[in-house]
Amino acid sequence: ALELKKGELVLDAGCGAGGTSVWVAQKYPVGVIGITIVDSQIPKASEHARLHNVQNRVSFCVADYTKTPFAAQTFNKIYAIESSCYALQKKDFITEAYRLLKPGGKLVVLDAFRIKKVLDATSTKMYQDFLDGFVLDNLAFKTEFYQNMKTVGFTKITYASQSAGVWKTLLYYHFICTLIYPFVALLEKIGVMKNSLGHIVAARNSKYLIENKILDYAVFTGTK
């Protein structure tokens, strides 16, 4: 989807420990800058780049992807993999991405998007537990995200569901999380573990939310 070309500069918006940034630099002759708001991830990401011998083309810094320190029209491509969901206001992220892209540049977002608007009591709890477990304030509705991209100025906007492609993984997560849930609950109760149960519940609930078309795992793309 990124259609990377030699010499382009790419922004990894929400790079985490740098795994994707390093992979992109290994596969394509481009430069990559990864940004994260978590200071402790920078040394890990930088070391990861050094170990894979791409440190001359990959760099990392602490920055908020809704208000970065970079000049306008700096990047040829921007991607956000399961990170745009953490923006409180998704339009702020989209607006900043548009500012940073050069004319003809491309934004690619892979994330979960809300599909169904009206939820019953069971679905509401499953969805809220998903948000709480992954420490999310909200997820963007598919229609809302599309409209925000269009309003900001993106053209050639595309949307492609990836849910079918990750279904087997969701089934695996559901099985494993259901299996270990009682053990983790016990370990948290006696103080051996902490802050793990919510994540397990969220991962387990993913199957239900996708299966009932409450969420869709998908890719948005747009051109400046």
Protein backbone atom coordinates (compact mmCIF):
# COMPACT_ATOMS: atom_id res chain seq x y z
CA ALA A 1 0.00 0.00 0.00
CA LEU A 2 2.90 2.38 0.67
CA GLU A 3 4.47 1.90 -2.78
CA LEU A 4 7.90 2.87 -1.50
CA LYS A 5 10.52 4.24 -3.88
CA LYS A 6 14.27 4.59 -3.53
CA GLY A 7 15.37 7.62 -1.55
CA GLU A 8 12.00 8.43 -0.02
CA LEU A 9 11.65 9.55 3.58
CA VAL A 10 9.02 7.68 5.59
CA LEU A 11 7.44 8.46 8.95
CA ASP A 12 6.44 5.63 11.27
CA ALA A 13 3.76 7.35 13.36
CA GLY A 14 3.70 5.43 16.62
CA CYS A 15 6.74 3.23 16.12
CA GLY A 16 6.82 1.45 19.49
CA ALA A 17 10.08 -0.47 19.85
CA GLY A 18 10.92 0.13 16.19
CA GLY A 19 10.24 -3.30 14.71
CA THR A 20 8.32 -2.11 11.67
CA SER A 21 10.67 0.82 11.03
CA VAL A 22 13.64 -1.54 10.93
CA TRP A 23 11.78 -4.03 8.72
CA VAL A 24 10.90 -1.30 6.21
CA ALA A 25 14.52 -0.14 6.04
CA GLN A 26 15.71 -3.72 5.53
CA LYS A 27 13.28 -4.32 2.67
CA TYR A 28 13.37 -0.94 0.89
CA PRO A 29 16.10 1.64 0.10
CA VAL A 30 14.39 4.42 2.03
CA GLY A 31 14.97 6.50 5.13
CA VAL A 32 12.66 6.02 8.11
CA ILE A 33 11.96 8.18 11.13
CA GLY A 34 9.99 6.55 13.92
CA ILE A 35 8.23 8.58 16.58
CA THR A 36 6.74 7.53 19.91
CA ILE A 37 5.56 9.33 23.03
CA VAL A 38 7.20 6.68 25.25
CA ASP A 39 10.76 7.74 26.10
CA SER A 40 11.86 4.26 27.16
CA GLN A 41 11.13 2.84 23.69
CA ILE A 42 13.78 5.00 21.97
CA PRO A 43 16.91 3.16 23.24
CA LYS A 44 15.31 -0.20 22.44
CA ALA A 45 14.34 0.92 18.93
CA SER A 46 17.76 2.42 18.25
CA GLU A 47 19.50 -0.74 19.41
CA HIS A 48 17.18 -2.81 17.21
CA ALA A 49 18.20 -0.70 14.21
CA ARG A 50 21.89 -1.08 15.06
CA LEU A 51 21.62 -4.85 15.43
CA HIS A 52 20.07 -5.07 11.95
CA ASN A 53 22.64 -2.67 10.47
CA VAL A 54 20.16 -0.05 9.29
CA GLN A 55 21.04 2.66 11.83
CA ASN A 56 22.28 4.90 9.02
CA ARG A 57 18.78 5.03 7.50
CA VAL A 58 16.55 4.71 10.57
CA SER A 59 16.25 7.10 13.49
CA PHE A 60 13.85 7.50 16.38
CA CYS A 61 12.66 10.37 18.53
CA VAL A 62 10.04 11.24 21.10
CA ALA A 63 7.18 13.13 19.48
CA ASP A 64 3.40 13.33 19.50
CA TYR A 65 2.06 12.40 16.06
CA THR A 66 -0.67 15.04 16.38
CA LYS A 67 1.87 17.87 16.80
CA THR A 68 5.33 16.87 15.59
CA PRO A 69 8.43 19.10 15.44
CA PHE A 70 8.96 18.44 11.71
CA ALA A 71 8.55 21.03 8.98
CA ALA A 72 5.64 20.87 6.57
CA GLN A 73 6.08 18.64 3.50
CA THR A 74 8.94 16.63 5.04
CA PHE A 75 7.82 13.08 4.24
CA ASN A 76 6.96 11.13 1.10
CA LYS A 77 5.00 8.48 2.99
CA ILE A 78 3.50 8.10 6.46
CA TYR A 79 2.15 4.96 8.03
CA ALA A 80 0.48 4.19 11.37
CA ILE A 81 0.12 0.56 12.39
CA GLU A 82 -2.31 0.04 15.28
CA SER A 83 -1.31 3.43 16.66
CA SER A 84 -3.76 6.02 15.29
CA CYS A 85 -6.38 4.51 17.61
CA TYR A 86 -4.56 6.11 20.54
CA ALA A 87 -5.21 9.64 19.30
CA LEU A 88 -7.97 11.16 21.42
CA GLN A 89 -9.14 13.12 18.39
CA LYS A 90 -8.36 11.12 15.25
CA LYS A 91 -8.76 14.20 13.06
CA ASP A 92 -5.75 15.79 14.83
CA PHE A 93 -3.58 12.88 13.69
CA ILE A 94 -4.94 13.03 10.12
CA THR A 95 -4.43 16.81 9.94
CA GLU A 96 -0.82 16.58 11.09
CA ALA A 97 -0.11 13.74 8.66
CA TYR A 98 -1.46 15.87 5.81
CA ARG A 99 0.76 18.80 6.85
CA LEU A 100 3.86 16.61 6.97
CA LEU A 101 3.36 14.95 3.58
CA LYS A 102 4.83 16.29 0.38
CA PRO A 103 2.40 16.86 -2.51
CA GLY A 104 1.55 13.43 -3.89
CA GLY A 105 2.58 11.79 -0.61
CA LYS A 106 0.61 8.92 0.86
CA LEU A 107 -0.84 8.05 4.26
CA VAL A 108 -1.49 4.40 5.20
CA VAL A 109 -3.33 3.50 8.41
CA LEU A 110 -3.82 -0.07 9.63
CA ASP A 111 -6.11 -0.25 12.64
CA ALA A 112 -9.41 -1.33 14.14
CA PHE A 113 -12.43 0.76 13.21
CA ARG A 114 -15.91 0.85 14.70
CA ILE A 115 -18.64 -0.32 12.32
CA LYS A 116 -21.82 -0.86 14.29
CA LYS A 117 -23.22 2.20 16.07
CA VAL A 118 -26.01 0.75 18.23
CA LEU A 119 -24.89 -1.94 20.68
CA ASP A 120 -26.85 -4.11 23.07
CA ALA A 121 -25.78 -4.54 26.70
CA THR A 122 -23.51 -7.53 26.03
CA SER A 123 -21.78 -5.89 23.08
CA THR A 124 -21.38 -2.64 25.00
CA LYS A 125 -19.55 -4.45 27.81
CA MET A 126 -17.39 -6.45 25.40
CA TYR A 127 -16.45 -3.25 23.56
CA GLN A 128 -15.73 -1.26 26.73
CA ASP A 129 -13.59 -4.08 28.14
CA PHE A 130 -11.68 -4.07 24.85
CA LEU A 131 -11.04 -0.33 25.15
CA ASP A 132 -10.06 -0.57 28.81
CA GLY A 133 -7.76 -3.53 28.25
CA PHE A 134 -5.82 -1.80 25.50
CA VAL A 135 -5.99 1.58 27.31
CA LEU A 136 -7.96 3.24 24.51
CA ASP A 137 -10.25 6.24 24.92
CA ASN A 138 -12.22 5.37 21.79
CA LEU A 139 -12.08 3.91 18.31
CA ALA A 140 -12.99 5.87 15.21
CA PHE A 141 -16.04 4.92 13.24
CA LYS A 142 -15.11 3.87 9.71
CA THR A 143 -17.38 6.54 8.22
CA GLU A 144 -16.00 9.22 10.55
CA PHE A 145 -12.37 8.43 9.72
CA TYR A 146 -13.14 8.52 6.00
CA GLN A 147 -14.91 11.86 6.31
CA ASN A 148 -12.05 13.33 8.34
CA MET A 149 -9.53 12.29 5.69
CA LYS A 150 -11.70 13.84 2.99
CA THR A 151 -12.28 17.07 4.95
CA VAL A 152 -8.57 17.52 5.68
CA GLY A 153 -7.80 17.23 1.96
CA PHE A 154 -6.82 13.65 1.19
CA THR A 155 -7.84 12.24 -2.18
CA LYS A 156 -7.92 8.73 -3.68
CA ILE A 157 -9.08 7.46 -0.28
CA THR A 158 -9.38 3.69 -0.08
CA TYR A 159 -10.60 1.29 2.60
CA ALA A 160 -9.81 -2.42 2.64
CA SER A 161 -10.92 -4.83 5.36
CA GLN A 162 -8.22 -7.16 6.68
CA SER A 163 -10.42 -8.98 9.18
CA ALA A 164 -10.63 -12.19 7.15
CA GLY A 165 -6.87 -12.28 6.91
CA VAL A 166 -6.37 -12.14 10.68
CA TRP A 167 -9.30 -14.39 11.62
CA LYS A 168 -7.15 -17.44 12.39
CA THR A 169 -4.97 -15.30 14.61
CA LEU A 170 -8.04 -14.02 16.45
CA LEU A 171 -9.22 -17.59 17.01
CA TYR A 172 -5.81 -18.48 18.41
CA TYR A 173 -5.80 -15.44 20.73
CA HIS A 174 -9.32 -16.28 21.90
CA PHE A 175 -8.34 -19.85 22.71
CA ILE A 176 -5.11 -18.95 24.53
CA CYS A 177 -6.62 -16.04 26.46
CA THR A 178 -9.62 -18.11 27.55
CA LEU A 179 -7.23 -20.84 28.68
CA ILE A 180 -4.92 -18.65 30.75
CA TYR A 181 -7.53 -16.24 32.12
CA PRO A 182 -8.24 -18.10 35.41
CA PHE A 183 -4.54 -18.55 36.13
CA VAL A 184 -3.71 -14.89 35.51
CA ALA A 185 -6.72 -13.84 37.58
CA LEU A 186 -5.42 -15.93 40.46
CA LEU A 187 -1.87 -14.58 40.12
CA GLU A 188 -3.17 -11.01 40.15
CA LYS A 189 -5.33 -11.76 43.19
CA ILE A 190 -2.34 -12.99 45.22
CA GLY A 191 -0.12 -10.16 43.94
CA VAL A 192 2.29 -12.15 41.79
CA MET A 193 1.17 -10.32 38.63
CA LYS A 194 -0.53 -7.01 38.00
CA ASN A 195 -2.15 -5.11 35.11
CA SER A 196 -2.25 -8.16 32.83
CA LEU A 197 -5.84 -9.32 33.07
CA GLY A 198 -7.34 -6.39 31.21
CA HIS A 199 -5.10 -6.98 28.21
CA ILE A 200 -6.03 -10.66 28.15
CA VAL A 201 -9.74 -9.83 28.25
CA ALA A 202 -9.33 -7.30 25.45
CA ALA A 203 -7.47 -9.77 23.25
CA ARG A 204 -10.10 -12.44 23.95
CA ASN A 205 -12.94 -10.05 23.11
CA SER A 206 -11.44 -9.20 19.71
CA LYS A 207 -12.99 -12.33 18.18
CA TYR A 208 -16.48 -11.41 19.36
CA LEU A 209 -16.20 -7.81 18.19
CA ILE A 210 -15.00 -8.75 14.71
CA GLU A 211 -17.37 -11.70 14.37
CA ASN A 212 -20.37 -9.53 15.24
CA LYS A 213 -19.24 -6.75 12.92
CA ILE A 214 -18.85 -4.25 15.72
CA LEU A 215 -15.24 -3.65 14.68
CA ASP A 216 -13.34 -4.15 11.45
CA TYR A 217 -9.58 -4.49 11.13
CA ALA A 218 -8.74 -2.53 8.03
CA VAL A 219 -6.40 -0.32 6.00
CA PHE A 220 -7.17 3.27 5.02
CA THR A 221 -5.01 4.97 2.41
CA GLY A 222 -5.08 8.51 1.10
CA THR A 223 -3.01 10.75 -1.14
CA LYS A 224 -2.16 14.42 -0.57
